[in-house]
Amino acid sequence: MWGGHMDGDWSWWMLVGWTWMVLFWGVLVWGAVVFFQRGGRGRSADDEDPVRILERRYARGEIDRSEFEEMRRILREGD
């Protein structure tokens, strides 16, 4: 009735074509989601609170107490 086009190998080629199309669009959508989510994920070092950086430096012993208190005072005056 259909001329035999849906018999034999033709149906398999259609399945392969649909599979590749679904994979293509799936990867494209996944890539877009990852790309746009990456912009809102996490904080960069530039966005970090200066007082927190100062506290870590003091905790590691990079600066002494007087330097820490002076820098913290300067940072808080700027807010």
N, C-alpha and C. Protein backbone atom coordinates (compact mmCIF):
# COMPACT_ATOMS: atom_id res chain seq x y z
N MET A 1 0.81 -1.20 0.00
CA MET A 1 0.00 0.00 0.00
C MET A 1 0.85 1.26 0.00
N TRP A 2 1.90 1.29 0.78
CA TRP A 2 2.77 2.46 0.85
C TRP A 2 3.96 2.33 -0.09
N GLY A 3 3.94 1.38 -0.91
CA GLY A 3 5.02 1.22 -1.86
C GLY A 3 6.26 0.60 -1.25
N GLY A 4 6.16 0.05 -0.06
CA GLY A 4 7.29 -0.61 0.58
C GLY A 4 8.35 0.32 1.15
N HIS A 5 8.08 1.61 1.22
CA HIS A 5 9.09 2.54 1.71
C HIS A 5 9.35 2.41 3.21
N MET A 6 8.40 1.93 3.96
CA MET A 6 8.59 1.80 5.41
C MET A 6 9.08 0.41 5.78
N ASP A 7 9.31 -0.42 4.82
CA ASP A 7 9.81 -1.77 5.08
C ASP A 7 11.32 -1.79 4.95
N GLY A 8 11.93 -2.74 5.58
CA GLY A 8 13.35 -2.95 5.39
C GLY A 8 14.21 -1.87 6.02
N ASP A 9 15.22 -1.43 5.28
CA ASP A 9 16.24 -0.53 5.80
C ASP A 9 15.78 0.91 6.00
N TRP A 10 14.77 1.35 5.29
CA TRP A 10 14.36 2.75 5.39
C TRP A 10 13.94 3.12 6.81
N SER A 11 13.24 2.25 7.50
CA SER A 11 12.78 2.58 8.86
C SER A 11 13.98 2.78 9.80
N TRP A 12 15.05 2.02 9.60
CA TRP A 12 16.23 2.17 10.45
C TRP A 12 16.93 3.49 10.20
N TRP A 13 16.99 3.93 8.95
CA TRP A 13 17.62 5.20 8.65
C TRP A 13 16.83 6.36 9.24
N MET A 14 15.51 6.23 9.24
CA MET A 14 14.69 7.28 9.86
C MET A 14 14.96 7.33 11.36
N LEU A 15 15.08 6.16 11.98
CA LEU A 15 15.37 6.10 13.42
C LEU A 15 16.73 6.74 13.72
N VAL A 16 17.72 6.46 12.90
CA VAL A 16 19.04 7.05 13.09
C VAL A 16 18.97 8.57 12.94
N GLY A 17 18.24 9.04 11.94
CA GLY A 17 18.09 10.49 11.73
C GLY A 17 17.42 11.17 12.91
N TRP A 18 16.35 10.59 13.41
CA TRP A 18 15.66 11.17 14.56
C TRP A 18 16.55 11.15 15.80
N THR A 19 17.29 10.08 15.97
CA THR A 19 18.18 9.98 17.13
C THR A 19 19.23 11.09 17.10
N TRP A 20 19.85 11.32 15.95
CA TRP A 20 20.85 12.38 15.83
C TRP A 20 20.24 13.76 16.05
N MET A 21 19.02 13.94 15.55
CA MET A 21 18.37 15.24 15.73
C MET A 21 18.07 15.50 17.21
N VAL A 22 17.57 14.48 17.91
CA VAL A 22 17.29 14.63 19.34
C VAL A 22 18.59 14.88 20.11
N LEU A 23 19.64 14.16 19.78
CA LEU A 23 20.93 14.38 20.44
C LEU A 23 21.46 15.78 20.17
N PHE A 24 21.36 16.23 18.94
CA PHE A 24 21.82 17.58 18.59
C PHE A 24 21.11 18.64 19.41
N TRP A 25 19.77 18.59 19.43
CA TRP A 25 19.02 19.60 20.17
C TRP A 25 19.23 19.46 21.68
N GLY A 26 19.38 18.24 22.17
CA GLY A 26 19.65 18.04 23.59
C GLY A 26 20.97 18.65 24.01
N VAL A 27 22.01 18.42 23.21
CA VAL A 27 23.33 18.99 23.51
C VAL A 27 23.28 20.52 23.41
N LEU A 28 22.57 21.02 22.42
CA LEU A 28 22.45 22.47 22.26
C LEU A 28 21.76 23.12 23.46
N VAL A 29 20.66 22.52 23.91
CA VAL A 29 19.94 23.06 25.07
C VAL A 29 20.80 22.93 26.32
N TRP A 30 21.44 21.79 26.51
CA TRP A 30 22.31 21.59 27.67
C TRP A 30 23.43 22.63 27.68
N GLY A 31 24.05 22.87 26.54
CA GLY A 31 25.12 23.86 26.45
C GLY A 31 24.64 25.26 26.80
N ALA A 32 23.44 25.62 26.34
CA ALA A 32 22.88 26.94 26.65
C ALA A 32 22.62 27.07 28.14
N VAL A 33 22.08 26.03 28.75
CA VAL A 33 21.80 26.06 30.20
C VAL A 33 23.10 26.23 30.98
N VAL A 34 24.11 25.45 30.64
CA VAL A 34 25.40 25.55 31.34
C VAL A 34 26.01 26.93 31.14
N PHE A 35 25.95 27.45 29.93
CA PHE A 35 26.52 28.75 29.63
C PHE A 35 25.87 29.85 30.45
N PHE A 36 24.53 29.86 30.52
CA PHE A 36 23.84 30.93 31.22
C PHE A 36 23.87 30.75 32.73
N GLN A 37 23.97 29.54 33.23
CA GLN A 37 24.06 29.33 34.67
C GLN A 37 25.43 29.72 35.20
N ARG A 38 26.44 29.56 34.39
CA ARG A 38 27.81 29.84 34.83
C ARG A 38 27.99 31.30 35.25
N GLY A 39 27.25 32.21 34.63
CA GLY A 39 27.36 33.63 34.98
C GLY A 39 26.88 33.92 36.38
N GLY A 40 25.94 33.16 36.93
CA GLY A 40 25.40 33.43 38.25
C GLY A 40 25.94 32.52 39.32
N ARG A 41 26.88 31.66 38.97
CA ARG A 41 27.35 30.67 39.92
C ARG A 41 28.62 31.16 40.62
N GLY A 42 28.57 31.15 41.93
CA GLY A 42 29.76 31.45 42.71
C GLY A 42 30.18 32.92 42.65
N ARG A 43 31.17 33.21 43.41
CA ARG A 43 31.72 34.57 43.43
C ARG A 43 33.17 34.49 43.01
N SER A 44 33.60 35.47 42.29
CA SER A 44 35.00 35.52 41.90
C SER A 44 35.80 36.18 43.02
N ALA A 45 37.10 36.10 42.92
CA ALA A 45 37.96 36.70 43.94
C ALA A 45 37.78 38.21 43.99
N ASP A 46 37.42 38.82 42.86
CA ASP A 46 37.23 40.27 42.83
C ASP A 46 36.00 40.71 43.62
N ASP A 47 35.02 39.82 43.77
CA ASP A 47 33.78 40.17 44.45
C ASP A 47 33.85 39.92 45.96
N GLU A 48 34.93 39.35 46.44
CA GLU A 48 35.02 38.96 47.84
C GLU A 48 35.13 40.19 48.75
N ASP A 49 34.55 40.06 49.93
CA ASP A 49 34.54 41.14 50.91
C ASP A 49 35.97 41.42 51.39
N PRO A 50 36.42 42.66 51.32
CA PRO A 50 37.79 42.99 51.73
C PRO A 50 38.09 42.67 53.19
N VAL A 51 37.10 42.81 54.06
CA VAL A 51 37.32 42.51 55.48
C VAL A 51 37.58 41.02 55.67
N ARG A 52 36.89 40.17 54.90
CA ARG A 52 37.11 38.72 54.99
C ARG A 52 38.53 38.37 54.52
N ILE A 53 38.98 39.02 53.48
CA ILE A 53 40.35 38.79 53.00
C ILE A 53 41.34 39.21 54.08
N LEU A 54 41.09 40.35 54.68
CA LEU A 54 41.95 40.85 55.75
C LEU A 54 41.98 39.89 56.94
N GLU A 55 40.82 39.35 57.32
CA GLU A 55 40.75 38.39 58.43
C GLU A 55 41.56 37.13 58.12
N ARG A 56 41.48 36.65 56.90
CA ARG A 56 42.25 35.46 56.53
C ARG A 56 43.76 35.75 56.55
N ARG A 57 44.14 36.91 56.08
CA ARG A 57 45.57 37.28 56.11
C ARG A 57 46.08 37.34 57.55
N TYR A 58 45.26 37.88 58.45
CA TYR A 58 45.63 37.96 59.86
C TYR A 58 45.72 36.55 60.46
N ALA A 59 44.76 35.70 60.11
CA ALA A 59 44.75 34.33 60.63
C ALA A 59 45.97 33.54 60.15
N ARG A 60 46.43 33.80 58.95
CA ARG A 60 47.61 33.10 58.42
C ARG A 60 48.92 33.69 58.93
N GLY A 61 48.84 34.82 59.62
CA GLY A 61 50.05 35.44 60.16
C GLY A 61 50.78 36.34 59.18
N GLU A 62 50.13 36.71 58.09
CA GLU A 62 50.76 37.57 57.10
C GLU A 62 50.88 39.01 57.60
N ILE A 63 49.98 39.41 58.49
CA ILE A 63 50.02 40.75 59.08
C ILE A 63 49.85 40.61 60.58
N ASP A 64 50.38 41.60 61.33
CA ASP A 64 50.24 41.53 62.79
C ASP A 64 48.94 42.23 63.22
N ARG A 65 48.70 42.23 64.54
CA ARG A 65 47.44 42.75 65.07
C ARG A 65 47.26 44.24 64.78
N SER A 66 48.32 45.02 64.93
CA SER A 66 48.18 46.46 64.71
C SER A 66 47.88 46.76 63.24
N GLU A 67 48.52 46.04 62.32
CA GLU A 67 48.22 46.23 60.90
C GLU A 67 46.78 45.83 60.59
N PHE A 68 46.36 44.71 61.18
CA PHE A 68 45.00 44.23 60.96
C PHE A 68 43.98 45.27 61.43
N GLU A 69 44.15 45.77 62.65
CA GLU A 69 43.18 46.73 63.19
C GLU A 69 43.17 48.03 62.40
N GLU A 70 44.35 48.49 61.97
CA GLU A 70 44.42 49.73 61.18
C GLU A 70 43.73 49.56 59.83
N MET A 71 44.02 48.46 59.15
CA MET A 71 43.40 48.23 57.84
C MET A 71 41.89 48.03 57.96
N ARG A 72 41.47 47.33 59.01
CA ARG A 72 40.03 47.12 59.21
C ARG A 72 39.34 48.45 59.49
N ARG A 73 39.98 49.31 60.28
CA ARG A 73 39.40 50.62 60.56
C ARG A 73 39.26 51.43 59.27
N ILE A 74 40.28 51.41 58.44
CA ILE A 74 40.24 52.14 57.17
C ILE A 74 39.12 51.60 56.27
N LEU A 75 39.01 50.29 56.21
CA LEU A 75 37.97 49.69 55.37
C LEU A 75 36.57 50.04 55.87
N ARG A 76 36.39 50.02 57.17
CA ARG A 76 35.06 50.32 57.72
C ARG A 76 34.70 51.79 57.58
N GLU A 77 35.70 52.67 57.61
CA GLU A 77 35.43 54.10 57.40
C GLU A 77 34.98 54.37 55.97
N GLY A 78 35.45 53.57 55.05
CA GLY A 78 35.09 53.75 53.65
C GLY A 78 33.67 53.34 53.32
N ASP A 79 33.04 52.54 54.18
CA ASP A 79 31.66 52.07 53.92
C ASP A 79 30.64 53.08 54.19
